Amino acid sequence: MFARVAIYEVPGHRAADAVDGFREAIEQIEEMEGLREAYMLISPESGRALTMTIWGSRDAMERSRVRASRLRSEAAKSVEGGVFSVEEYQIAVHETVDGTTQ
């Protein structure tokens, strides 16, 4: 599995709007083949947000790059924020709470 992690600058007073924007973006990319999971973490105090999407294969993640980039930029701009960084990773370890290792 593979992950794309993006970090955003988000004004604290726009945190709820940023969450709504992320949900809208996920609705647009969830139809793409290979998306397995999506997460958003937000810290209104620091003005930062982090999104992570999990993909079943590197090819699926690569195919989503252009569309995901556009959606990230649009979502950040809509809340007067910006994209701080984007990185892609291979998932080396994935464990669930019940102890299952994948």
PDB file of N, CA and C in Angstrom:
ATOM      1  N   MET A   1       0.828  -1.173   0.000  1.00  0.00           N
ATOM      2  CA  MET A   1       0.000   0.000   0.000  1.00  0.00           C
ATOM      3  C   MET A   1       0.881   1.248   0.000  1.00  0.00           C
ATOM      4  N   PHE A   2       0.272   2.366  -0.395  1.00  0.00           N
ATOM      5  CA  PHE A   2       0.993   3.627  -0.536  1.00  0.00           C
ATOM      6  C   PHE A   2       0.154   4.754   0.042  1.00  0.00           C
ATOM      7  N   ALA A   3       0.820   5.810   0.478  1.00  0.00           N
ATOM      8  CA  ALA A   3       0.111   6.931   1.101  1.00  0.00           C
ATOM      9  C   ALA A   3       0.605   8.255   0.537  1.00  0.00           C
ATOM     10  N   ARG A   4      -0.318   9.175   0.405  1.00  0.00           N
ATOM     11  CA  ARG A   4       0.021  10.558   0.074  1.00  0.00           C
ATOM     12  C   ARG A   4      -0.355  11.402   1.285  1.00  0.00           C
ATOM     13  N   VAL A   5       0.612  12.173   1.771  1.00  0.00           N
ATOM     14  CA  VAL A   5       0.406  13.013   2.946  1.00  0.00           C
ATOM     15  C   VAL A   5       0.588  14.465   2.528  1.00  0.00           C
ATOM     16  N   ALA A   6      -0.409  15.285   2.830  1.00  0.00           N
ATOM     17  CA  ALA A   6      -0.339  16.714   2.518  1.00  0.00           C
ATOM     18  C   ALA A   6      -0.524  17.498   3.811  1.00  0.00           C
ATOM     19  N   ILE A   7       0.247  18.558   3.947  1.00  0.00           N
ATOM     20  CA  ILE A   7       0.130  19.442   5.103  1.00  0.00           C
ATOM     21  C   ILE A   7      -0.311  20.806   4.595  1.00  0.00           C
ATOM     22  N   TYR A   8      -1.272  21.379   5.296  1.00  0.00           N
ATOM     23  CA  TYR A   8      -1.886  22.633   4.893  1.00  0.00           C
ATOM     24  C   TYR A   8      -1.740  23.680   5.988  1.00  0.00           C
ATOM     25  N   GLU A   9      -1.689  24.923   5.582  1.00  0.00           N
ATOM     26  CA  GLU A   9      -1.837  26.064   6.487  1.00  0.00           C
ATOM     27  C   GLU A   9      -3.303  26.457   6.402  1.00  0.00           C
ATOM     28  N   VAL A  10      -3.999  26.471   7.551  1.00  0.00           N
ATOM     29  CA  VAL A  10      -5.424  26.785   7.578  1.00  0.00           C
ATOM     30  C   VAL A  10      -5.687  27.759   8.722  1.00  0.00           C
ATOM     31  N   PRO A  11      -6.276  28.912   8.450  1.00  0.00           N
ATOM     32  CA  PRO A  11      -6.619  29.822   9.545  1.00  0.00           C
ATOM     33  C   PRO A  11      -7.519  29.102  10.555  1.00  0.00           C
ATOM     34  N   GLY A  12      -7.199  29.218  11.843  1.00  0.00           N
ATOM     35  CA  GLY A  12      -7.930  28.505  12.887  1.00  0.00           C
ATOM     36  C   GLY A  12      -9.430  28.709  12.840  1.00  0.00           C
ATOM     37  N   HIS A  13      -9.863  29.907  12.501  1.00  0.00           N
ATOM     38  CA  HIS A  13     -11.300  30.177  12.462  1.00  0.00           C
ATOM     39  C   HIS A  13     -11.982  29.524  11.256  1.00  0.00           C
ATOM     40  N   ARG A  14     -11.201  28.943  10.351  1.00  0.00           N
ATOM     41  CA  ARG A  14     -11.766  28.274   9.162  1.00  0.00           C
ATOM     42  C   ARG A  14     -11.626  26.753   9.238  1.00  0.00           C
ATOM     43  N   ALA A  15     -11.283  26.217  10.425  1.00  0.00           N
ATOM     44  CA  ALA A  15     -11.049  24.773  10.571  1.00  0.00           C
ATOM     45  C   ALA A  15     -12.257  23.945  10.154  1.00  0.00           C
ATOM     46  N   ALA A  16     -13.446  24.312  10.590  1.00  0.00           N
ATOM     47  CA  ALA A  16     -14.650  23.539  10.231  1.00  0.00           C
ATOM     48  C   ALA A  16     -14.891  23.575   8.730  1.00  0.00           C
ATOM     49  N   ASP A  17     -14.642  24.732   8.115  1.00  0.00           N
ATOM     50  CA  ASP A  17     -14.789  24.838   6.660  1.00  0.00           C
ATOM     51  C   ASP A  17     -13.779  23.949   5.944  1.00  0.00           C
ATOM     52  N   ALA A  18     -12.567  23.854   6.506  1.00  0.00           N
ATOM     53  CA  ALA A  18     -11.538  23.002   5.899  1.00  0.00           C
ATOM     54  C   ALA A  18     -11.961  21.538   5.926  1.00  0.00           C
ATOM     55  N   VAL A  19     -12.575  21.115   7.016  1.00  0.00           N
ATOM     56  CA  VAL A  19     -13.072  19.737   7.119  1.00  0.00           C
ATOM     57  C   VAL A  19     -14.128  19.483   6.046  1.00  0.00           C
ATOM     58  N   ASP A  20     -15.042  20.421   5.882  1.00  0.00           N
ATOM     59  CA  ASP A  20     -16.072  20.284   4.841  1.00  0.00           C
ATOM     60  C   ASP A  20     -15.437  20.202   3.451  1.00  0.00           C
ATOM     61  N   GLY A  21     -14.420  21.029   3.207  1.00  0.00           N
ATOM     62  CA  GLY A  21     -13.731  21.020   1.913  1.00  0.00           C
ATOM     63  C   GLY A  21     -13.050  19.695   1.638  1.00  0.00           C
ATOM     64  N   PHE A  22     -12.436  19.107   2.681  1.00  0.00           N
ATOM     65  CA  PHE A  22     -11.783  17.809   2.518  1.00  0.00           C
ATOM     66  C   PHE A  22     -12.817  16.736   2.180  1.00  0.00           C
ATOM     67  N   ARG A  23     -13.946  16.768   2.861  1.00  0.00           N
ATOM     68  CA  ARG A  23     -14.999  15.780   2.573  1.00  0.00           C
ATOM     69  C   ARG A  23     -15.470  15.886   1.116  1.00  0.00           C
ATOM     70  N   GLU A  24     -15.624  17.101   0.651  1.00  0.00           N
ATOM     71  CA  GLU A  24     -16.035  17.305  -0.747  1.00  0.00           C
ATOM     72  C   GLU A  24     -14.980  16.776  -1.716  1.00  0.00           C
ATOM     73  N   ALA A  25     -13.709  17.017  -1.405  1.00  0.00           N
ATOM     74  CA  ALA A  25     -12.635  16.528  -2.268  1.00  0.00           C
ATOM     75  C   ALA A  25     -12.614  15.005  -2.303  1.00  0.00           C
ATOM     76  N   ILE A  26     -12.792  14.374  -1.155  1.00  0.00           N
ATOM     77  CA  ILE A  26     -12.807  12.905  -1.094  1.00  0.00           C
ATOM     78  C   ILE A  26     -13.959  12.349  -1.913  1.00  0.00           C
ATOM     79  N   GLU A  27     -15.109  12.997  -1.860  1.00  0.00           N
ATOM     80  CA  GLU A  27     -16.237  12.540  -2.675  1.00  0.00           C
ATOM     81  C   GLU A  27     -15.870  12.525  -4.153  1.00  0.00           C
ATOM     82  N   GLN A  28     -15.011  13.448  -4.555  1.00  0.00           N
ATOM     83  CA  GLN A  28     -14.632  13.525  -5.965  1.00  0.00           C
ATOM     84  C   GLN A  28     -13.556  12.511  -6.350  1.00  0.00           C
ATOM     85  N   ILE A  29     -12.715  12.098  -5.400  1.00  0.00           N
ATOM     86  CA  ILE A  29     -11.678  11.126  -5.774  1.00  0.00           C
ATOM     87  C   ILE A  29     -11.983   9.705  -5.315  1.00  0.00           C
ATOM     88  N   GLU A  30     -13.016   9.527  -4.477  1.00  0.00           N
ATOM     89  CA  GLU A  30     -13.283   8.174  -3.995  1.00  0.00           C
ATOM     90  C   GLU A  30     -13.732   7.247  -5.108  1.00  0.00           C
ATOM     91  N   GLU A  31     -14.194   7.804  -6.204  1.00  0.00           N
ATOM     92  CA  GLU A  31     -14.591   6.974  -7.338  1.00  0.00           C
ATOM     93  C   GLU A  31     -13.379   6.465  -8.118  1.00  0.00           C
ATOM     94  N   MET A  32     -12.205   7.028  -7.821  1.00  0.00           N
ATOM     95  CA  MET A  32     -11.001   6.580  -8.520  1.00  0.00           C
ATOM     96  C   MET A  32     -10.579   5.211  -7.991  1.00  0.00           C
ATOM     97  N   GLU A  33     -10.191   4.366  -8.907  1.00  0.00           N
ATOM     98  CA  GLU A  33      -9.783   3.025  -8.538  1.00  0.00           C
ATOM     99  C   GLU A  33      -8.542   3.052  -7.667  1.00  0.00           C
ATOM    100  N   GLY A  34      -8.573   2.282  -6.587  1.00  0.00           N
ATOM    101  CA  GLY A  34      -7.390   2.117  -5.756  1.00  0.00           C
ATOM    102  C   GLY A  34      -7.392   2.878  -4.449  1.00  0.00           C
ATOM    103  N   LEU A  35      -8.280   3.860  -4.264  1.00  0.00           N
ATOM    104  CA  LEU A  35      -8.329   4.575  -2.996  1.00  0.00           C
ATOM    105  C   LEU A  35      -8.897   3.644  -1.932  1.00  0.00           C
ATOM    106  N   ARG A  36      -8.167   3.495  -0.834  1.00  0.00           N
ATOM    107  CA  ARG A  36      -8.590   2.585   0.235  1.00  0.00           C
ATOM    108  C   ARG A  36      -9.122   3.325   1.465  1.00  0.00           C
ATOM    109  N   GLU A  37      -8.433   4.390   1.869  1.00  0.00           N
ATOM    110  CA  GLU A  37      -8.812   5.121   3.076  1.00  0.00           C
ATOM    111  C   GLU A  37      -8.410   6.575   2.922  1.00  0.00           C
ATOM    112  N   ALA A  38      -9.042   7.431   3.719  1.00  0.00           N
ATOM    113  CA  ALA A  38      -8.674   8.843   3.734  1.00  0.00           C
ATOM    114  C   ALA A  38      -8.823   9.375   5.147  1.00  0.00           C
ATOM    115  N   TYR A  39      -7.868  10.183   5.568  1.00  0.00           N
ATOM    116  CA  TYR A  39      -7.857  10.760   6.906  1.00  0.00           C
ATOM    117  C   TYR A  39      -7.584  12.256   6.821  1.00  0.00           C
ATOM    118  N   MET A  40      -8.126  12.984   7.796  1.00  0.00           N
ATOM    119  CA  MET A  40      -7.779  14.392   7.957  1.00  0.00           C
ATOM    120  C   MET A  40      -7.573  14.654   9.437  1.00  0.00           C
ATOM    121  N   LEU A  41      -6.462  15.292   9.751  1.00  0.00           N
ATOM    122  CA  LEU A  41      -6.186  15.728  11.115  1.00  0.00           C
ATOM    123  C   LEU A  41      -6.077  17.245  11.062  1.00  0.00           C
ATOM    124  N   ILE A  42      -6.632  17.909  12.072  1.00  0.00           N
ATOM    125  CA  ILE A  42      -6.613  19.359  12.048  1.00  0.00           C
ATOM    126  C   ILE A  42      -6.281  19.902  13.434  1.00  0.00           C
ATOM    127  N   SER A  43      -5.495  20.950  13.458  1.00  0.00           N
ATOM    128  CA  SER A  43      -5.125  21.622  14.700  1.00  0.00           C
ATOM    129  C   SER A  43      -5.450  23.105  14.566  1.00  0.00           C
ATOM    130  N   PRO A  44      -6.631  23.510  15.016  1.00  0.00           N
ATOM    131  CA  PRO A  44      -6.996  24.924  14.913  1.00  0.00           C
ATOM    132  C   PRO A  44      -6.003  25.836  15.642  1.00  0.00           C
ATOM    133  N   GLU A  45      -5.384  25.317  16.706  1.00  0.00           N
ATOM    134  CA  GLU A  45      -4.428  26.112  17.468  1.00  0.00           C
ATOM    135  C   GLU A  45      -3.181  26.458  16.661  1.00  0.00           C
ATOM    136  N   SER A  46      -2.678  25.510  15.895  1.00  0.00           N
ATOM    137  CA  SER A  46      -1.448  25.748  15.128  1.00  0.00           C
ATOM    138  C   SER A  46      -1.719  26.274  13.726  1.00  0.00           C
ATOM    139  N   GLY A  47      -2.981  26.160  13.285  1.00  0.00           N
ATOM    140  CA  GLY A  47      -3.303  26.584  11.933  1.00  0.00           C
ATOM    141  C   GLY A  47      -2.820  25.605  10.879  1.00  0.00           C
ATOM    142  N   ARG A  48      -2.655  24.357  11.275  1.00  0.00           N
ATOM    143  CA  ARG A  48      -2.213  23.322  10.333  1.00  0.00           C
ATOM    144  C   ARG A  48      -3.239  22.203  10.243  1.00  0.00           C
ATOM    145  N   ALA A  49      -3.274  21.595   9.077  1.00  0.00           N
ATOM    146  CA  ALA A  49      -4.092  20.406   8.850  1.00  0.00           C
ATOM    147  C   ALA A  49      -3.239  19.414   8.070  1.00  0.00           C
ATOM    148  N   LEU A  50      -3.556  18.144   8.223  1.00  0.00           N
ATOM    149  CA  LEU A  50      -2.836  17.087   7.516  1.00  0.00           C
ATOM    150  C   LEU A  50      -3.871  16.151   6.918  1.00  0.00           C
ATOM    151  N   THR A  51      -3.685  15.810   5.661  1.00  0.00           N
ATOM    152  CA  THR A  51      -4.534  14.792   5.048  1.00  0.00           C
ATOM    153  C   THR A  51      -3.650  13.628   4.620  1.00  0.00           C
ATOM    154  N   MET A  52      -4.215  12.433   4.703  1.00  0.00           N
ATOM    155  CA  MET A  52      -3.501  11.246   4.255  1.00  0.00           C
ATOM    156  C   MET A  52      -4.484  10.357   3.521  1.00  0.00           C
ATOM    157  N   THR A  53      -4.130  10.015   2.293  1.00  0.00           N
ATOM    158  CA  THR A  53      -4.923   9.064   1.532  1.00  0.00           C
ATOM    159  C   THR A  53      -4.099   7.799   1.343  1.00  0.00           C
ATOM    160  N   ILE A  54      -4.760   6.670   1.475  1.00  0.00           N
ATOM    161  CA  ILE A  54      -4.113   5.363   1.357  1.00  0.00           C
ATOM    162  C   ILE A  54      -4.573   4.731   0.051  1.00  0.00           C
ATOM    163  N   TRP A  55      -3.605   4.248  -0.716  1.00  0.00           N
ATOM    164  CA  TRP A  55      -3.867   3.684  -2.039  1.00  0.00           C
ATOM    165  C   TRP A  55      -3.414   2.237  -2.083  1.00  0.00           C
ATOM    166  N   GLY A  56      -4.141   1.416  -2.840  1.00  0.00           N
ATOM    167  CA  GLY A  56      -3.833  -0.002  -2.958  1.00  0.00           C
ATOM    168  C   GLY A  56      -2.567  -0.299  -3.743  1.00  0.00           C
ATOM    169  N   SER A  57      -2.170   0.624  -4.610  1.00  0.00           N
ATOM    170  CA  SER A  57      -0.958   0.413  -5.409  1.00  0.00           C
ATOM    171  C   SER A  57      -0.314   1.751  -5.745  1.00  0.00           C
ATOM    172  N   ARG A  58       0.950   1.706  -6.083  1.00  0.00           N
ATOM    173  CA  ARG A  58       1.657   2.924  -6.502  1.00  0.00           C
ATOM    174  C   ARG A  58       1.020   3.481  -7.773  1.00  0.00           C
ATOM    175  N   ASP A  59       0.652   2.599  -8.708  1.00  0.00           N
ATOM    176  CA  ASP A  59       0.028   3.054  -9.954  1.00  0.00           C
ATOM    177  C   ASP A  59      -1.257   3.825  -9.695  1.00  0.00           C
ATOM    178  N   ALA A  60      -2.093   3.322  -8.788  1.00  0.00           N
ATOM    179  CA  ALA A  60      -3.351   4.006  -8.467  1.00  0.00           C
ATOM    180  C   ALA A  60      -3.065   5.385  -7.879  1.00  0.00           C
ATOM    181  N   MET A  61      -2.088   5.460  -6.985  1.00  0.00           N
ATOM    182  CA  MET A  61      -1.742   6.743  -6.382  1.00  0.00           C
ATOM    183  C   MET A  61      -1.218   7.710  -7.448  1.00  0.00           C
ATOM    184  N   GLU A  62      -0.375   7.218  -8.333  1.00  0.00           N
ATOM    185  CA  GLU A  62       0.181   8.067  -9.392  1.00  0.00           C
ATOM    186  C   GLU A  62      -0.912   8.566 -10.339  1.00  0.00           C
ATOM    187  N   ARG A  63      -1.877   7.713 -10.657  1.00  0.00           N
ATOM    188  CA  ARG A  63      -2.971   8.120 -11.542  1.00  0.00           C
ATOM    189  C   ARG A  63      -3.831   9.217 -10.922  1.00  0.00           C
ATOM    190  N   SER A  64      -3.840   9.293  -9.604  1.00  0.00           N
ATOM    191  CA  SER A  64      -4.672  10.292  -8.925  1.00  0.00           C
ATOM    192  C   SER A  64      -3.962  11.630  -8.733  1.00  0.00           C
ATOM    193  N   ARG A  65      -2.674  11.696  -9.018  1.00  0.00           N
ATOM    194  CA  ARG A  65      -1.856  12.868  -8.687  1.00  0.00           C
ATOM    195  C   ARG A  65      -2.399  14.197  -9.196  1.00  0.00           C
ATOM    196  N   VAL A  66      -2.704  14.271 -10.463  1.00  0.00           N
ATOM    197  CA  VAL A  66      -3.129  15.544 -11.057  1.00  0.00           C
ATOM    198  C   VAL A  66      -4.458  15.996 -10.466  1.00  0.00           C
ATOM    199  N   ARG A  67      -5.396  15.085 -10.412  1.00  0.00           N
ATOM    200  CA  ARG A  67      -6.714  15.438  -9.866  1.00  0.00           C
ATOM    201  C   ARG A  67      -6.618  15.805  -8.389  1.00  0.00           C
ATOM    202  N   ALA A  68      -5.844  15.032  -7.633  1.00  0.00           N
ATOM    203  CA  ALA A  68      -5.686  15.309  -6.203  1.00  0.00           C
ATOM    204  C   ALA A  68      -5.015  16.662  -5.981  1.00  0.00           C
ATOM    205  N   SER A  69      -4.039  17.000  -6.804  1.00  0.00           N
ATOM    206  CA  SER A  69      -3.358  18.290  -6.672  1.00  0.00           C
ATOM    207  C   SER A  69      -4.331  19.447  -6.883  1.00  0.00           C
ATOM    208  N   ARG A  70      -5.154  19.335  -7.899  1.00  0.00           N
ATOM    209  CA  ARG A  70      -6.141  20.378  -8.176  1.00  0.00           C
ATOM    210  C   ARG A  70      -7.125  20.509  -7.018  1.00  0.00           C
ATOM    211  N   LEU A  71      -7.617  19.390  -6.520  1.00  0.00           N
ATOM    212  CA  LEU A  71      -8.580  19.414  -5.423  1.00  0.00           C
ATOM    213  C   LEU A  71      -7.970  19.979  -4.147  1.00  0.00           C
ATOM    214  N   ARG A  72      -6.709  19.633  -3.870  1.00  0.00           N
ATOM    215  CA  ARG A  72      -6.022  20.180  -2.695  1.00  0.00           C
ATOM    216  C   ARG A  72      -5.932  21.693  -2.772  1.00  0.00           C
ATOM    217  N   SER A  73      -5.488  22.172  -3.915  1.00  0.00           N
ATOM    218  CA  SER A  73      -5.331  23.618  -4.099  1.00  0.00           C
ATOM    219  C   SER A  73      -6.660  24.352  -3.960  1.00  0.00           C
ATOM    220  N   GLU A  74      -7.697  23.811  -4.572  1.00  0.00           N
ATOM    221  CA  GLU A  74      -9.018  24.433  -4.493  1.00  0.00           C
ATOM    222  C   GLU A  74      -9.545  24.448  -3.058  1.00  0.00           C
ATOM    223  N   ALA A  75      -9.383  23.337  -2.354  1.00  0.00           N
ATOM    224  CA  ALA A  75      -9.878  23.250  -0.977  1.00  0.00           C
ATOM    225  C   ALA A  75      -9.134  24.233  -0.069  1.00  0.00           C
ATOM    226  N   ALA A  76      -7.825  24.313  -0.218  1.00  0.00           N
ATOM    227  CA  ALA A  76      -7.029  25.233   0.609  1.00  0.00           C
ATOM    228  C   ALA A  76      -7.394  26.682   0.317  1.00  0.00           C
ATOM    229  N   LYS A  77      -7.510  27.000  -0.951  1.00  0.00           N
ATOM    230  CA  LYS A  77      -7.836  28.373  -1.350  1.00  0.00           C
ATOM    231  C   LYS A  77      -9.216  28.786  -0.829  1.00  0.00           C
ATOM    232  N   SER A  78     -10.157  27.849  -0.799  1.00  0.00           N
ATOM    233  CA  SER A  78     -11.520  28.168  -0.371  1.00  0.00           C
ATOM    234  C   SER A  78     -11.605  28.556   1.100  1.00  0.00           C
ATOM    235  N   VAL A  79     -10.594  28.205   1.889  1.00  0.00           N
ATOM    236  CA  VAL A  79     -10.592  28.565   3.316  1.00  0.00           C
ATOM    237  C   VAL A  79      -9.459  29.544   3.641  1.00  0.00           C
ATOM    238  N   GLU A  80      -8.979  30.237   2.603  1.00  0.00           N
ATOM    239  CA  GLU A  80      -7.914  31.225   2.765  1.00  0.00           C
ATOM    240  C   GLU A  80      -6.631  30.593   3.296  1.00  0.00           C
ATOM    241  N   GLY A  81      -6.404  29.336   2.904  1.00  0.00           N
ATOM    242  CA  GLY A  81      -5.224  28.609   3.348  1.00  0.00           C
ATOM    243  C   GLY A  81      -4.318  28.293   2.183  1.00  0.00           C
ATOM    244  N   GLY A  82      -3.357  27.426   2.442  1.00  0.00           N
ATOM    245  CA  GLY A  82      -2.435  27.026   1.396  1.00  0.00           C
ATOM    246  C   GLY A  82      -1.894  25.636   1.652  1.00  0.00           C
ATOM    247  N   VAL A  83      -1.346  25.025   0.616  1.00  0.00           N
ATOM    248  CA  VAL A  83      -0.729  23.717   0.730  1.00  0.00           C
ATOM    249  C   VAL A  83       0.731  23.940   1.105  1.00  0.00           C
ATOM    250  N   PHE A  84       1.143  23.405   2.255  1.00  0.00           N
ATOM    251  CA  PHE A  84       2.502  23.577   2.756  1.00  0.00           C
ATOM    252  C   PHE A  84       3.451  22.554   2.133  1.00  0.00           C
ATOM    253  N   SER A  85       3.025  21.282   2.081  1.00  0.00           N
ATOM    254  CA  SER A  85       3.863  20.238   1.485  1.00  0.00           C
ATOM    255  C   SER A  85       3.012  19.027   1.112  1.00  0.00           C
ATOM    256  N   VAL A  86       3.542  18.235   0.182  1.00  0.00           N
ATOM    257  CA  VAL A  86       2.907  16.982  -0.233  1.00  0.00           C
ATOM    258  C   VAL A  86       4.021  15.969  -0.440  1.00  0.00           C
ATOM    259  N   GLU A  87       3.870  14.797   0.173  1.00  0.00           N
ATOM    260  CA  GLU A  87       4.850  13.727   0.002  1.00  0.00           C
ATOM    261  C   GLU A  87       4.126  12.410  -0.178  1.00  0.00           C
ATOM    262  N   GLU A  88       4.778  11.490  -0.879  1.00  0.00           N
ATOM    263  CA  GLU A  88       4.217  10.160  -1.097  1.00  0.00           C
ATOM    264  C   GLU A  88       5.135   9.128  -0.455  1.00  0.00           C
ATOM    265  N   TYR A  89       4.525   8.107   0.129  1.00  0.00           N
ATOM    266  CA  TYR A  89       5.256   7.094   0.873  1.00  0.00           C
ATOM    267  C   TYR A  89       4.774   5.697   0.509  1.00  0.00           C
ATOM    268  N   GLN A  90       5.642   4.736   0.689  1.00  0.00           N
ATOM    269  CA  GLN A  90       5.232   3.336   0.701  1.00  0.00           C
ATOM    270  C   GLN A  90       4.947   3.003   2.157  1.00  0.00           C
ATOM    271  N   ILE A  91       3.837   2.343   2.421  1.00  0.00           N
ATOM    272  CA  ILE A  91       3.494   1.982   3.796  1.00  0.00           C
ATOM    273  C   ILE A  91       4.288   0.735   4.165  1.00  0.00           C
ATOM    274  N   ALA A  92       5.156   0.883   5.149  1.00  0.00           N
ATOM    275  CA  ALA A  92       6.028  -0.213   5.559  1.00  0.00           C
ATOM    276  C   ALA A  92       5.371  -1.107   6.608  1.00  0.00           C
ATOM    277  N   VAL A  93       4.576  -0.525   7.496  1.00  0.00           N
ATOM    278  CA  VAL A  93       3.886  -1.282   8.544  1.00  0.00           C
ATOM    279  C   VAL A  93       2.486  -0.713   8.686  1.00  0.00           C
ATOM    280  N   HIS A  94       1.510  -1.597   8.795  1.00  0.00           N
ATOM    281  CA  HIS A  94       0.132  -1.187   9.038  1.00  0.00           C
ATOM    282  C   HIS A  94      -0.467  -2.170  10.030  1.00  0.00           C
ATOM    283  N   GLU A  95      -0.783  -1.691  11.229  1.00  0.00           N
ATOM    284  CA  GLU A  95      -1.386  -2.547  12.251  1.00  0.00           C
ATOM    285  C   GLU A  95      -2.700  -1.950  12.696  1.00  0.00           C
ATOM    286  N   THR A  96      -3.647  -2.798  12.965  1.00  0.00           N
ATOM    287  CA  THR A  96      -4.924  -2.348  13.490  1.00  0.00           C
ATOM    288  C   THR A  96      -4.931  -2.516  14.991  1.00  0.00           C
ATOM    289  N   VAL A  97      -5.900  -1.934  15.648  1.00  0.00           N
ATOM    290  CA  VAL A  97      -5.983  -1.975  17.102  1.00  0.00           C
ATOM    291  C   VAL A  97      -6.102  -3.407  17.619  1.00  0.00           C
ATOM    292  N   ASP A  98      -6.739  -4.265  16.870  1.00  0.00           N
ATOM    293  CA  ASP A  98      -6.906  -5.645  17.329  1.00  0.00           C
ATOM    294  C   ASP A  98      -5.640  -6.482  17.153  1.00  0.00           C
ATOM    295  N   GLY A  99      -4.549  -5.843  16.728  1.00  0.00           N
ATOM    296  CA  GLY A  99      -3.272  -6.534  16.614  1.00  0.00           C
ATOM    297  C   GLY A  99      -2.999  -7.144  15.253  1.00  0.00           C
ATOM    298  N   THR A 100      -3.925  -7.022  14.329  1.00  0.00           N
ATOM    299  CA  THR A 100      -3.738  -7.569  12.999  1.00  0.00           C
ATOM    300  C   THR A 100      -2.668  -6.773  12.255  1.00  0.00           C
ATOM    301  N   THR A 101      -1.695  -7.457  11.718  1.00  0.00           N
ATOM    302  CA  THR A 101      -0.663  -6.809  10.940  1.00  0.00           C
ATOM    303  C   THR A 101      -0.955  -7.044   9.466  1.00  0.00           C
ATOM    304  N   GLN A 102      -0.844  -5.963   8.673  1.00  0.00           N
ATOM    305  CA  GLN A 102      -1.121  -6.092   7.239  1.00  0.00           C
ATOM    306  C   GLN A 102       0.092  -5.714   6.441  1.00  0.00           C
TER     307      GLN A 102
END
